[in-house]
N, C-alpha and C. Protein backbone atom coordinates (compact mmCIF):
# COMPACT_ATOMS: atom_id res chain seq x y z
N MET A 1 133.71 134.29 89.96
CA MET A 1 133.56 132.71 90.51
C MET A 1 132.61 132.52 91.50
N SER A 2 131.98 130.77 91.07
CA SER A 2 130.93 130.37 91.89
C SER A 2 131.94 129.82 93.63
N ALA A 3 131.09 129.26 94.36
CA ALA A 3 131.84 128.77 95.31
C ALA A 3 132.45 128.00 95.00
N ASP A 4 131.86 126.58 94.32
CA ASP A 4 132.20 125.71 93.21
C ASP A 4 133.41 125.43 93.01
N THR A 5 134.05 126.35 92.60
CA THR A 5 134.52 126.85 92.03
C THR A 5 136.40 126.93 91.85
N GLN A 6 137.32 126.03 92.23
CA GLN A 6 138.51 126.70 92.68
C GLN A 6 139.98 126.66 92.00
N ALA A 7 140.06 128.37 91.77
CA ALA A 7 141.59 129.03 90.43
C ALA A 7 141.93 127.49 90.80
N HIS A 8 142.64 127.27 89.85
CA HIS A 8 143.83 126.60 89.85
C HIS A 8 144.83 127.62 88.68
N GLU A 9 144.56 127.91 87.95
CA GLU A 9 144.91 128.70 86.98
C GLU A 9 145.71 130.40 87.51
N ARG A 10 146.75 130.66 86.50
CA ARG A 10 147.02 132.11 87.04
C ARG A 10 146.92 132.48 85.41
N ILE A 11 146.56 133.79 84.95
CA ILE A 11 146.95 134.66 84.08
C ILE A 11 147.89 135.88 84.61
N ASP A 12 148.39 136.11 83.61
CA ASP A 12 149.96 137.65 84.31
C ASP A 12 149.04 138.31 83.18
N LEU A 13 148.79 140.06 83.76
CA LEU A 13 148.72 140.80 82.50
C LEU A 13 150.11 141.99 82.75
N ARG A 14 150.01 142.61 81.63
CA ARG A 14 150.97 144.17 81.79
C ARG A 14 149.82 145.23 81.14
N THR A 15 150.37 146.20 81.78
CA THR A 15 149.55 147.09 81.58
C THR A 15 149.97 148.23 81.27
N SER A 16 149.55 149.45 80.90
CA SER A 16 149.92 150.62 80.97
C SER A 16 149.57 151.36 82.71
N PRO A 17 149.87 152.32 82.84
CA PRO A 17 149.08 153.10 84.65
C PRO A 17 147.83 152.98 83.96
N GLU A 18 147.32 153.66 83.22
CA GLU A 18 145.71 154.77 82.65
C GLU A 18 145.22 153.24 82.32
N ILE A 19 145.35 152.42 82.06
CA ILE A 19 144.95 150.83 81.77
C ILE A 19 143.95 150.33 82.75
N LYS A 20 145.23 150.88 84.03
CA LYS A 20 144.92 149.32 85.01
C LYS A 20 143.76 151.03 85.73
N ASN A 21 144.72 152.27 86.01
CA ASN A 21 142.91 153.14 86.98
C ASN A 21 142.56 152.66 86.35
N LEU A 22 141.87 152.82 84.90
CA LEU A 22 140.78 152.74 84.31
C LEU A 22 140.36 150.90 84.96
N ILE A 23 141.00 150.40 84.66
CA ILE A 23 139.91 149.04 85.14
C ILE A 23 139.70 149.01 86.72
N VAL A 24 140.33 149.74 87.93
CA VAL A 24 140.51 149.77 88.73
C VAL A 24 139.58 150.59 88.80
N ARG A 25 138.91 151.52 88.45
CA ARG A 25 138.15 152.70 89.06
C ARG A 25 136.70 151.52 88.44
N ALA A 26 136.48 150.90 87.32
CA ALA A 26 135.83 150.31 87.17
C ALA A 26 135.70 148.96 88.07
N ALA A 27 135.63 148.90 88.18
CA ALA A 27 135.63 147.17 89.25
C ALA A 27 135.16 147.64 90.78
N SER A 28 136.07 149.02 90.84
CA SER A 28 135.35 149.48 92.28
C SER A 28 134.14 150.72 92.19
N SER A 29 133.68 150.45 91.29
CA SER A 29 132.02 151.45 91.12
C SER A 29 131.28 150.82 90.63
N VAL A 30 131.75 149.00 90.62
CA VAL A 30 130.35 147.97 90.56
C VAL A 30 130.78 147.30 91.66
N GLY A 31 131.70 147.55 92.89
CA GLY A 31 131.44 146.43 93.85
C GLY A 31 132.98 145.37 93.89
N MET A 32 133.51 145.34 92.73
CA MET A 32 134.02 144.17 92.63
C MET A 32 135.61 144.53 92.74
N THR A 33 135.95 143.17 92.84
CA THR A 33 137.71 143.21 93.66
C THR A 33 137.74 143.42 91.52
N VAL A 34 139.37 144.00 91.87
CA VAL A 34 140.00 144.20 90.06
C VAL A 34 139.75 142.06 89.61
N SER A 35 140.62 141.62 89.89
CA SER A 35 140.67 140.02 89.32
C SER A 35 138.94 139.16 89.03
N ALA A 36 137.96 139.76 90.03
CA ALA A 36 136.56 139.40 89.53
C ALA A 36 135.86 139.44 88.34
N PHE A 37 136.36 141.31 89.04
CA PHE A 37 136.07 142.11 87.35
C PHE A 37 136.10 141.99 85.85
N LEU A 38 138.42 141.49 86.47
CA LEU A 38 138.65 140.97 84.93
C LEU A 38 138.14 140.44 83.96
N LEU A 39 138.12 138.65 85.11
CA LEU A 39 137.50 137.13 84.94
C LEU A 39 136.10 137.43 84.78
N GLY A 40 135.43 138.10 85.85
CA GLY A 40 133.87 138.45 84.49
C GLY A 40 133.97 138.59 83.58
N THR A 41 134.40 140.23 83.48
CA THR A 41 134.36 140.61 82.50
C THR A 41 135.16 139.74 80.36
N ALA A 42 135.96 139.17 80.73
CA ALA A 42 136.54 138.39 80.07
C ALA A 42 136.04 136.70 79.46
N GLN A 43 135.08 136.50 80.45
CA GLN A 43 134.46 135.20 80.49
C GLN A 43 132.85 135.16 79.59
N GLU A 44 132.40 136.60 80.28
CA GLU A 44 131.15 136.96 79.30
C GLU A 44 131.72 137.49 78.34
N ARG A 45 132.39 137.46 77.88
CA ARG A 45 132.81 138.33 76.15
C ARG A 45 133.01 136.89 75.63
N ALA A 46 134.31 135.78 76.18
CA ALA A 46 134.56 135.84 75.66
C ALA A 46 133.42 134.58 74.75
N LYS A 47 132.32 134.69 75.68
CA LYS A 47 131.55 133.32 75.26
C LYS A 47 130.85 133.70 74.62
N GLU A 48 130.61 135.54 74.13
CA GLU A 48 129.86 136.20 72.97
C GLU A 48 130.47 136.23 71.61
N ILE A 49 132.17 136.41 71.78
CA ILE A 49 132.86 135.89 70.35
C ILE A 49 132.99 134.76 70.35
N LEU A 50 133.48 133.41 70.98
CA LEU A 50 132.72 132.24 70.86
C LEU A 50 131.31 131.25 69.88
N ALA A 51 129.99 132.20 70.49
CA ALA A 51 128.90 131.70 69.98
C ALA A 51 128.69 132.76 68.99
N GLU A 52 129.31 133.74 68.88
CA GLU A 52 129.37 134.36 67.47
C GLU A 52 129.92 133.35 66.15
N LYS A 53 130.98 132.85 66.29
CA LYS A 53 132.34 131.50 66.23
C LYS A 53 131.57 130.52 65.08
N GLU A 54 130.44 130.10 66.63
CA GLU A 54 130.24 128.36 66.49
C GLU A 54 129.06 128.09 66.13
N MET A 55 127.84 129.64 66.10
CA MET A 55 126.36 129.25 66.13
C MET A 55 126.13 129.75 64.19
N VAL A 56 125.57 129.29 63.79
CA VAL A 56 125.07 128.76 62.27
C VAL A 56 123.51 129.51 62.70
N THR A 57 122.81 130.52 62.73
CA THR A 57 121.62 131.26 62.44
C THR A 57 120.75 131.19 60.99
N LEU A 58 119.78 130.74 60.59
CA LEU A 58 119.35 130.84 59.33
C LEU A 58 118.32 131.09 59.83
N THR A 59 117.66 131.96 58.43
CA THR A 59 116.44 132.07 58.72
C THR A 59 115.33 131.39 58.39
N SER A 60 114.05 131.29 58.81
CA SER A 60 112.77 130.43 58.21
C SER A 60 113.50 129.42 57.22
N ARG A 61 113.49 130.55 55.82
CA ARG A 61 113.39 129.49 55.02
C ARG A 61 114.60 128.74 54.93
N ASP A 62 115.94 129.56 54.90
CA ASP A 62 116.63 128.85 54.97
C ASP A 62 116.76 127.14 55.88
N TRP A 63 116.23 127.27 56.97
CA TRP A 63 116.00 126.29 57.74
C TRP A 63 114.92 125.17 57.36
N GLY A 64 114.48 125.81 56.46
CA GLY A 64 113.20 124.37 55.79
C GLY A 64 113.71 124.33 54.59
N ALA A 65 114.49 125.06 53.75
CA ALA A 65 115.45 124.42 52.66
C ALA A 65 116.21 123.54 53.52
N PHE A 66 117.10 123.33 54.70
CA PHE A 66 118.39 122.78 55.12
C PHE A 66 117.07 121.67 55.49
N ALA A 67 116.71 121.53 56.24
CA ALA A 67 115.47 120.28 56.76
C ALA A 67 115.37 119.32 55.53
N ARG A 68 114.86 120.39 53.96
CA ARG A 68 114.18 119.72 53.15
C ARG A 68 114.96 119.21 52.83
N ALA A 69 116.38 119.42 52.53
CA ALA A 69 117.69 118.54 52.08
C ALA A 69 118.23 117.55 52.78
N LEU A 70 118.23 117.89 53.98
CA LEU A 70 117.88 116.21 54.71
C LEU A 70 117.21 115.16 55.35
N ASP A 71 116.20 115.27 54.87
CA ASP A 71 114.94 114.80 54.67
C ASP A 71 115.02 113.78 53.59
N ASN A 72 115.67 114.20 52.16
CA ASN A 72 115.79 114.14 50.99
C ASN A 72 116.64 113.15 50.40
N SER A 73 117.36 113.11 51.32
CA SER A 73 118.43 112.56 51.70
C SER A 73 118.82 111.04 51.24
N GLU A 74 119.07 110.43 50.36
CA GLU A 74 118.89 109.08 50.22
C GLU A 74 120.28 107.78 51.35
N LYS A 75 121.13 108.65 52.21
CA LYS A 75 121.94 107.76 52.69
C LYS A 75 121.70 108.39 53.81
N PRO A 76 121.38 107.02 54.80
CA PRO A 76 120.74 107.79 55.92
C PRO A 76 122.00 108.44 56.91
N ARG A 77 121.20 109.36 58.02
CA ARG A 77 122.45 109.92 58.75
C ARG A 77 121.71 110.43 60.24
N PRO A 78 121.89 108.57 60.87
CA PRO A 78 121.52 109.07 62.89
C PRO A 78 122.04 110.17 63.59
N LYS A 79 123.01 110.33 63.62
CA LYS A 79 123.81 111.52 63.80
C LYS A 79 123.06 112.75 63.83
N LEU A 80 123.03 113.31 62.23
CA LEU A 80 121.77 114.34 62.14
C LEU A 80 120.79 114.13 62.03
N ALA A 81 120.15 112.54 62.50
CA ALA A 81 118.72 113.10 62.86
C ALA A 81 118.23 112.83 64.19
N ALA A 82 119.57 112.48 64.76
CA ALA A 82 119.87 112.93 66.26
C ALA A 82 119.19 114.57 66.70
N ALA A 83 120.46 114.97 65.66
CA ALA A 83 120.57 116.35 65.77
C ALA A 83 119.09 116.77 66.06
N MET A 84 118.39 116.71 64.21
CA MET A 84 118.01 117.45 64.22
C MET A 84 116.33 117.93 65.44
N LYS A 85 116.37 116.08 66.27
CA LYS A 85 115.28 116.03 66.91
C LYS A 85 115.99 116.98 68.44
N ARG A 86 117.05 117.15 68.66
CA ARG A 86 117.58 117.47 69.95
C ARG A 86 116.77 119.08 70.00
N HIS A 87 117.36 119.36 68.21
CA HIS A 87 116.53 120.22 68.26
C HIS A 87 115.34 121.03 68.40
N ARG A 88 114.32 120.20 67.19
CA ARG A 88 113.62 120.37 67.82
C ARG A 88 112.75 120.85 69.15
N ASP A 89 113.06 119.41 69.96
CA ASP A 89 113.28 119.49 71.66
C ASP A 89 113.13 120.22 72.72
N TRP A 90 114.43 120.93 71.77
CA TRP A 90 114.74 122.35 72.29
C TRP A 90 114.15 123.21 71.92
N GLN A 91 113.16 123.47 71.15
CA GLN A 91 112.76 124.83 70.44
C GLN A 91 110.80 124.71 71.41
N LYS A 92 111.00 123.27 71.97
CA LYS A 92 109.66 122.99 72.37
C LYS A 92 109.49 123.22 73.25
N ARG A 93 110.64 123.96 73.94
CA ARG A 93 111.02 124.74 75.78
C ARG A 93 110.19 125.77 76.04
């Protein structure tokens, strides 16, 4: 947890002694408290899971087809055009 982040919520867990011992050993081996270890690990995994579920990855060919379909659209789509511009600007970084 960063220095400017304050803990306001609590998560309670119940586990077997074996799993607790495993977690304690792992946290200790990297010099972290159990709470910091669990929060850090859970946060990393949560980000991975959400990235997999919320992000669409297209091949270059599919992206080209998608962009052409948008360009050939009869109806103006200003929000979509703005998103495409943000994507192009992001790719230039």
